[in-house]
C-alpha atoms as a PDB file:
ATOM      1  CA  MET A   1       7.961  20.837 -35.282  1.00  0.00           C
ATOM      2  CA  LYS A   2       6.084  17.406 -35.278  1.00  0.00           C
ATOM      3  CA  SER A   3       6.617  15.839 -38.534  1.00  0.00           C
ATOM      4  CA  TRP A   4       2.970  15.495 -39.115  1.00  0.00           C
ATOM      5  CA  ILE A   5       2.646  19.193 -38.939  1.00  0.00           C
ATOM      6  CA  ALA A   6       5.495  19.755 -41.214  1.00  0.00           C
ATOM      7  CA  ALA A   7       3.859  17.397 -43.507  1.00  0.00           C
ATOM      8  CA  ALA A   8       0.310  19.055 -43.728  1.00  0.00           C
ATOM      9  CA  LEU A   9       2.404  22.407 -44.066  1.00  0.00           C
ATOM     10  CA  ALA A  10       4.248  21.053 -46.926  1.00  0.00           C
ATOM     11  CA  ALA A  11       0.935  19.587 -48.465  1.00  0.00           C
ATOM     12  CA  ALA A  12      -0.706  23.043 -48.317  1.00  0.00           C
ATOM     13  CA  ALA A  13       2.097  24.540 -50.111  1.00  0.00           C
ATOM     14  CA  LEU A  14       1.886  22.119 -53.156  1.00  0.00           C
ATOM     15  CA  PRO A  15       1.131  23.628 -56.382  1.00  0.00           C
ATOM     16  CA  ALA A  16      -2.685  23.507 -57.326  1.00  0.00           C
ATOM     17  CA  ALA A  17      -2.086  22.185 -60.829  1.00  0.00           C
ATOM     18  CA  ALA A  18      -3.972  19.266 -62.418  1.00  0.00           C
ATOM     19  CA  ALA A  19      -2.911  15.801 -61.191  1.00  0.00           C
ATOM     20  CA  SER A  20      -3.467  12.037 -61.533  1.00  0.00           C
ATOM     21  CA  TYR A  21      -3.704   9.754 -58.814  1.00  0.00           C
ATOM     22  CA  THR A  22      -3.728   6.036 -58.470  1.00  0.00           C
ATOM     23  CA  VAL A  23      -5.983   4.230 -56.120  1.00  0.00           C
ATOM     24  CA  ASP A  24      -3.855   2.300 -53.221  1.00  0.00           C
ATOM     25  CA  LYS A  25      -5.662  -1.120 -53.229  1.00  0.00           C
ATOM     26  CA  ASP A  26      -4.076  -1.756 -49.751  1.00  0.00           C
ATOM     27  CA  HIS A  27      -5.894   1.420 -48.225  1.00  0.00           C
ATOM     28  CA  THR A  28      -9.114   1.559 -50.308  1.00  0.00           C
ATOM     29  CA  GLN A  29     -12.140  -1.010 -49.064  1.00  0.00           C
ATOM     30  CA  PRO A  30     -15.814   0.259 -49.974  1.00  0.00           C
ATOM     31  CA  SER A  31     -18.034  -0.586 -47.407  1.00  0.00           C
ATOM     32  CA  PHE A  32     -21.672  -1.008 -47.387  1.00  0.00           C
ATOM     33  CA  GLU A  33     -24.837  -1.738 -44.996  1.00  0.00           C
ATOM     34  CA  PHE A  34     -28.120  -2.558 -45.426  1.00  0.00           C
ATOM     35  CA  PRO A  35     -31.398  -3.812 -43.249  1.00  0.00           C
ATOM     36  CA  HIS A  36     -31.619  -7.533 -42.619  1.00  0.00           C
ATOM     37  CA  MET A  37     -35.269  -8.540 -42.228  1.00  0.00           C
ATOM     38  CA  GLY A  38     -36.081  -5.324 -40.862  1.00  0.00           C
ATOM     39  CA  ILE A  39     -34.794  -6.109 -37.352  1.00  0.00           C
ATOM     40  CA  SER A  40     -30.692  -5.388 -37.804  1.00  0.00           C
ATOM     41  CA  VAL A  41     -28.331  -3.943 -40.109  1.00  0.00           C
ATOM     42  CA  TRP A  42     -25.752  -5.946 -42.135  1.00  0.00           C
ATOM     43  CA  ARG A  43     -22.314  -4.471 -42.954  1.00  0.00           C
ATOM     44  CA  GLY A  44     -19.846  -5.656 -45.116  1.00  0.00           C
ATOM     45  CA  LYS A  45     -16.826  -4.563 -47.489  1.00  0.00           C
ATOM     46  CA  PHE A  46     -14.976  -5.126 -50.668  1.00  0.00           C
ATOM     47  CA  THR A  47     -11.269  -6.153 -49.987  1.00  0.00           C
ATOM     48  CA  ARG A  48     -10.215  -5.399 -53.551  1.00  0.00           C
ATOM     49  CA  ALA A  49     -10.655  -2.064 -55.286  1.00  0.00           C
ATOM     50  CA  SER A  50      -8.446  -0.214 -57.689  1.00  0.00           C
ATOM     51  CA  GLY A  51      -8.894   2.875 -59.817  1.00  0.00           C
ATOM     52  CA  LYS A  52      -7.898   6.467 -60.823  1.00  0.00           C
ATOM     53  CA  VAL A  53      -8.357   9.894 -59.612  1.00  0.00           C
ATOM     54  CA  ASN A  54      -7.827  13.197 -61.415  1.00  0.00           C
ATOM     55  CA  PHE A  55      -8.009  16.203 -59.501  1.00  0.00           C
ATOM     56  CA  ASP A  56      -7.414  19.705 -60.300  1.00  0.00           C
ATOM     57  CA  ARG A  57      -7.513  22.346 -57.412  1.00  0.00           C
ATOM     58  CA  ALA A  58      -7.260  25.335 -59.414  1.00  0.00           C
ATOM     59  CA  ALA A  59      -9.859  24.400 -61.897  1.00  0.00           C
ATOM     60  CA  HIS A  60     -12.451  23.147 -59.249  1.00  0.00           C
ATOM     61  CA  ALA A  61     -12.419  19.830 -61.274  1.00  0.00           C
ATOM     62  CA  GLY A  62     -11.837  16.144 -60.591  1.00  0.00           C
ATOM     63  CA  ASP A  63     -13.022  12.701 -61.286  1.00  0.00           C
ATOM     64  CA  VAL A  64     -12.984   9.265 -59.987  1.00  0.00           C
ATOM     65  CA  ASN A  65     -12.820   5.781 -61.446  1.00  0.00           C
ATOM     66  CA  ILE A  66     -13.192   3.115 -58.836  1.00  0.00           C
ATOM     67  CA  VAL A  67     -13.324  -0.664 -59.755  1.00  0.00           C
ATOM     68  CA  VAL A  68     -14.286  -3.023 -57.191  1.00  0.00           C
ATOM     69  CA  GLN A  69     -13.643  -6.852 -57.539  1.00  0.00           C
ATOM     70  CA  THR A  70     -16.990  -8.064 -56.462  1.00  0.00           C
ATOM     71  CA  ALA A  71     -15.834 -11.570 -55.531  1.00  0.00           C
ATOM     72  CA  SER A  72     -13.756  -9.697 -52.516  1.00  0.00           C
ATOM     73  CA  ILE A  73     -17.101  -9.143 -50.629  1.00  0.00           C
ATOM     74  CA  GLU A  74     -16.546  -9.792 -46.923  1.00  0.00           C
ATOM     75  CA  PHE A  75     -19.353 -10.217 -44.419  1.00  0.00           C
ATOM     76  CA  GLY A  76     -17.329 -11.645 -41.558  1.00  0.00           C
ATOM     77  CA  HIS A  77     -19.983 -14.658 -42.234  1.00  0.00           C
ATOM     78  CA  ARG A  78     -19.005 -17.394 -44.364  1.00  0.00           C
ATOM     79  CA  ALA A  79     -22.413 -18.481 -45.557  1.00  0.00           C
ATOM     80  CA  MET A  80     -23.395 -14.943 -46.271  1.00  0.00           C
ATOM     81  CA  ASN A  81     -19.974 -14.462 -48.319  1.00  0.00           C
ATOM     82  CA  GLU A  82     -20.870 -17.511 -50.420  1.00  0.00           C
ATOM     83  CA  ALA A  83     -24.382 -16.381 -51.078  1.00  0.00           C
ATOM     84  CA  ALA A  84     -23.227 -12.926 -52.127  1.00  0.00           C
ATOM     85  CA  VAL A  85     -21.205 -14.025 -54.802  1.00  0.00           C
ATOM     86  CA  GLY A  86     -23.754 -16.289 -56.158  1.00  0.00           C
ATOM     87  CA  ALA A  87     -25.953 -15.848 -59.122  1.00  0.00           C
ATOM     88  CA  GLU A  88     -28.982 -14.739 -57.231  1.00  0.00           C
ATOM     89  CA  TRP A  89     -27.063 -11.786 -55.801  1.00  0.00           C
ATOM     90  CA  LEU A  90     -23.723 -10.296 -57.429  1.00  0.00           C
ATOM     91  CA  ASN A  91     -23.317 -13.185 -59.932  1.00  0.00           C
ATOM     92  CA  THR A  92     -19.475 -12.562 -59.567  1.00  0.00           C
ATOM     93  CA  GLU A  93     -18.619 -14.996 -62.629  1.00  0.00           C
ATOM     94  CA  GLN A  94     -20.633 -12.947 -64.873  1.00  0.00           C
ATOM     95  CA  PHE A  95     -20.145  -9.599 -63.400  1.00  0.00           C
ATOM     96  CA  PRO A  96     -16.844  -9.718 -61.763  1.00  0.00           C
ATOM     97  CA  THR A  97     -16.397  -5.916 -61.190  1.00  0.00           C
ATOM     98  CA  MET A  98     -18.758  -3.145 -60.012  1.00  0.00           C
ATOM     99  CA  VAL A  99     -17.611   0.403 -61.350  1.00  0.00           C
ATOM    100  CA  TYR A 100     -18.215   3.921 -59.919  1.00  0.00           C
ATOM    101  CA  GLN A 101     -17.253   6.973 -62.256  1.00  0.00           C
ATOM    102  CA  GLY A 102     -18.034  10.459 -60.966  1.00  0.00           C
ATOM    103  CA  LYS A 103     -17.267  14.043 -61.346  1.00  0.00           C
ATOM    104  CA  MET A 104     -16.552  16.153 -58.365  1.00  0.00           C
ATOM    105  CA  ARG A 105     -18.645  18.947 -57.477  1.00  0.00           C
ATOM    106  CA  PHE A 106     -17.231  22.217 -55.689  1.00  0.00           C
ATOM    107  CA  GLU A 107     -18.748  24.658 -53.228  1.00  0.00           C
ATOM    108  CA  GLY A 108     -16.047  27.411 -53.459  1.00  0.00           C
ATOM    109  CA  ASP A 109     -12.706  25.548 -53.084  1.00  0.00           C
ATOM    110  CA  ASN A 110     -14.056  22.408 -51.306  1.00  0.00           C
ATOM    111  CA  PRO A 111     -15.152  19.481 -53.428  1.00  0.00           C
ATOM    112  CA  VAL A 112     -18.405  18.314 -51.547  1.00  0.00           C
ATOM    113  CA  ALA A 113     -20.011  15.778 -53.630  1.00  0.00           C
ATOM    114  CA  LEU A 114     -19.294  13.252 -56.779  1.00  0.00           C
ATOM    115  CA  ASP A 115     -21.910  13.132 -59.286  1.00  0.00           C
ATOM    116  CA  GLY A 116     -21.664   9.755 -61.029  1.00  0.00           C
ATOM    117  CA  ARG A 117     -22.716   6.278 -61.945  1.00  0.00           C
ATOM    118  CA  LEU A 118     -22.615   2.989 -60.337  1.00  0.00           C
ATOM    119  CA  THR A 119     -22.592  -0.101 -62.758  1.00  0.00           C
ATOM    120  CA  LEU A 120     -23.559  -3.147 -61.011  1.00  0.00           C
ATOM    121  CA  LEU A 121     -24.736  -6.394 -62.699  1.00  0.00           C
ATOM    122  CA  GLY A 122     -24.409  -4.668 -65.930  1.00  0.00           C
ATOM    123  CA  VAL A 123     -26.744  -2.215 -65.025  1.00  0.00           C
ATOM    124  CA  SER A 124     -25.725   1.519 -64.736  1.00  0.00           C
ATOM    125  CA  GLN A 125     -27.732   4.121 -62.401  1.00  0.00           C
ATOM    126  CA  PRO A 126     -26.823   7.746 -61.391  1.00  0.00           C
ATOM    127  CA  LEU A 127     -25.626   7.917 -57.879  1.00  0.00           C
ATOM    128  CA  THR A 128     -24.187  10.990 -56.059  1.00  0.00           C
ATOM    129  CA  LEU A 129     -21.969  10.494 -53.200  1.00  0.00           C
ATOM    130  CA  LYS A 130     -21.246  13.070 -50.551  1.00  0.00           C
ATOM    131  CA  ILE A 131     -17.952  13.789 -49.739  1.00  0.00           C
ATOM    132  CA  ASN A 132     -17.243  13.764 -46.023  1.00  0.00           C
ATOM    133  CA  SER A 133     -13.632  14.452 -46.182  1.00  0.00           C
ATOM    134  CA  LEU A 134     -10.927  14.873 -48.592  1.00  0.00           C
ATOM    135  CA  LYS A 135      -7.254  15.547 -47.547  1.00  0.00           C
ATOM    136  CA  CYS A 136      -3.898  15.737 -49.385  1.00  0.00           C
ATOM    137  CA  ILE A 137      -0.312  15.434 -47.757  1.00  0.00           C
ATOM    138  CA  GLU A 138       3.070  14.562 -48.608  1.00  0.00           C
ATOM    139  CA  HIS A 139       3.182  10.811 -47.805  1.00  0.00           C
ATOM    140  CA  PRO A 140       5.813   9.986 -45.199  1.00  0.00           C
ATOM    141  CA  PHE A 141       7.398   7.003 -46.909  1.00  0.00           C
ATOM    142  CA  PHE A 142       7.170   7.581 -50.583  1.00  0.00           C
ATOM    143  CA  LYS A 143       7.751  11.328 -50.271  1.00  0.00           C
ATOM    144  CA  ARG A 144       5.164  12.191 -52.998  1.00  0.00           C
ATOM    145  CA  GLU A 145       1.390  13.552 -52.642  1.00  0.00           C
ATOM    146  CA  VAL A 146      -1.079  11.312 -51.222  1.00  0.00           C
ATOM    147  CA  CYS A 147      -4.776  12.077 -50.815  1.00  0.00           C
ATOM    148  CA  GLY A 148      -7.526  10.221 -48.821  1.00  0.00           C
ATOM    149  CA  ALA A 149     -11.165  10.628 -49.221  1.00  0.00           C
ATOM    150  CA  ASP A 150     -14.413   9.376 -47.601  1.00  0.00           C
ATOM    151  CA  ALA A 151     -17.719   9.632 -49.651  1.00  0.00           C
ATOM    152  CA  GLU A 152     -21.083   8.026 -49.178  1.00  0.00           C
ATOM    153  CA  GLY A 153     -24.345   7.636 -50.487  1.00  0.00           C
ATOM    154  CA  ASP A 154     -27.745   5.616 -50.869  1.00  0.00           C
ATOM    155  CA  LEU A 155     -28.874   3.502 -53.314  1.00  0.00           C
ATOM    156  CA  GLU A 156     -31.870   0.902 -53.812  1.00  0.00           C
ATOM    157  CA  ARG A 157     -30.258  -2.726 -54.819  1.00  0.00           C
ATOM    158  CA  GLY A 158     -33.790  -3.384 -56.731  1.00  0.00           C
ATOM    159  CA  ASP A 159     -32.622  -0.813 -59.205  1.00  0.00           C
ATOM    160  CA  TYR A 160     -29.551  -2.951 -60.182  1.00  0.00           C
ATOM    161  CA  GLY A 161     -31.494  -6.126 -60.377  1.00  0.00           C
ATOM    162  CA  LEU A 162     -30.825  -7.222 -56.705  1.00  0.00           C
ATOM    163  CA  LYS A 163     -34.873  -7.771 -56.442  1.00  0.00           C
ATOM    164  CA  GLN A 164     -34.245 -10.468 -53.802  1.00  0.00           C
ATOM    165  CA  TYR A 165     -35.271  -9.293 -50.038  1.00  0.00           C
ATOM    166  CA  THR A 166     -35.804  -5.668 -51.163  1.00  0.00           C
ATOM    167  CA  ASP A 167     -39.600  -5.480 -49.600  1.00  0.00           C
ATOM    168  CA  GLY A 168     -40.304  -2.954 -46.873  1.00  0.00           C
ATOM    169  CA  GLY A 169     -37.387  -0.735 -47.448  1.00  0.00           C
ATOM    170  CA  MET A 170     -34.692  -3.587 -47.172  1.00  0.00           C
ATOM    171  CA  GLY A 171     -33.457  -2.812 -50.464  1.00  0.00           C
ATOM    172  CA  ARG A 172     -31.820   0.362 -49.351  1.00  0.00           C
ATOM    173  CA  LEU A 173     -28.070   0.101 -49.130  1.00  0.00           C
ATOM    174  CA  HIS A 174     -25.789   2.587 -47.799  1.00  0.00           C
ATOM    175  CA  LEU A 175     -22.313   2.634 -49.793  1.00  0.00           C
ATOM    176  CA  ARG A 176     -19.252   4.368 -48.344  1.00  0.00           C
ATOM    177  CA  ILE A 177     -16.042   4.759 -50.479  1.00  0.00           C
ATOM    178  CA  GLN A 178     -13.040   5.349 -48.412  1.00  0.00           C
ATOM    179  CA  VAL A 179     -10.158   5.754 -50.769  1.00  0.00           C
ATOM    180  CA  GLU A 180      -6.516   6.679 -50.649  1.00  0.00           C
ATOM    181  CA  ALA A 181      -4.584   7.480 -53.734  1.00  0.00           C
ATOM    182  CA  LEU A 182      -1.050   8.164 -54.690  1.00  0.00           C
ATOM    183  CA  LYS A 183       0.064  10.846 -56.893  1.00  0.00           C
ATOM    184  CA  ASP A 184       1.627   9.539 -60.332  1.00  0.00           C
END
């Protein structure tokens, strides 16, 4: 039997008890996209994130706490990176982190969304993220459970004080958090 099939079967047999997971900073890089002058779409990511996930399959409950280092923003464009960390945008000196905290919402046995809050520039607003996928397996190297998920949602940058260049729908930002976390 192929090893990935065996790992998937082993993960399916794991007990459904409450567990705590630590976010793998090397496999978690929240990304985003937003309109640029209404003619194209800018995409970027944050390269440093950490956090915790609590997950109880049996109780259909869970929560996440993701902390993003805002100075780790990366557009693949040096001038844009420099502008983004400045006082008019992310103001990373005064606000070095962005935090998402949410509770899992289930439909039957499946987590389908995170109902939570995003705190950016000292402003905290409600933000629901749709869970596109969530899978857990036994990690092939660490021999303990690892879970991976992909969640996404939309926000208005202006709601967080990022008012520059938000006219005509340009303030809409699509946030995506892909995460991997190892069981503690």
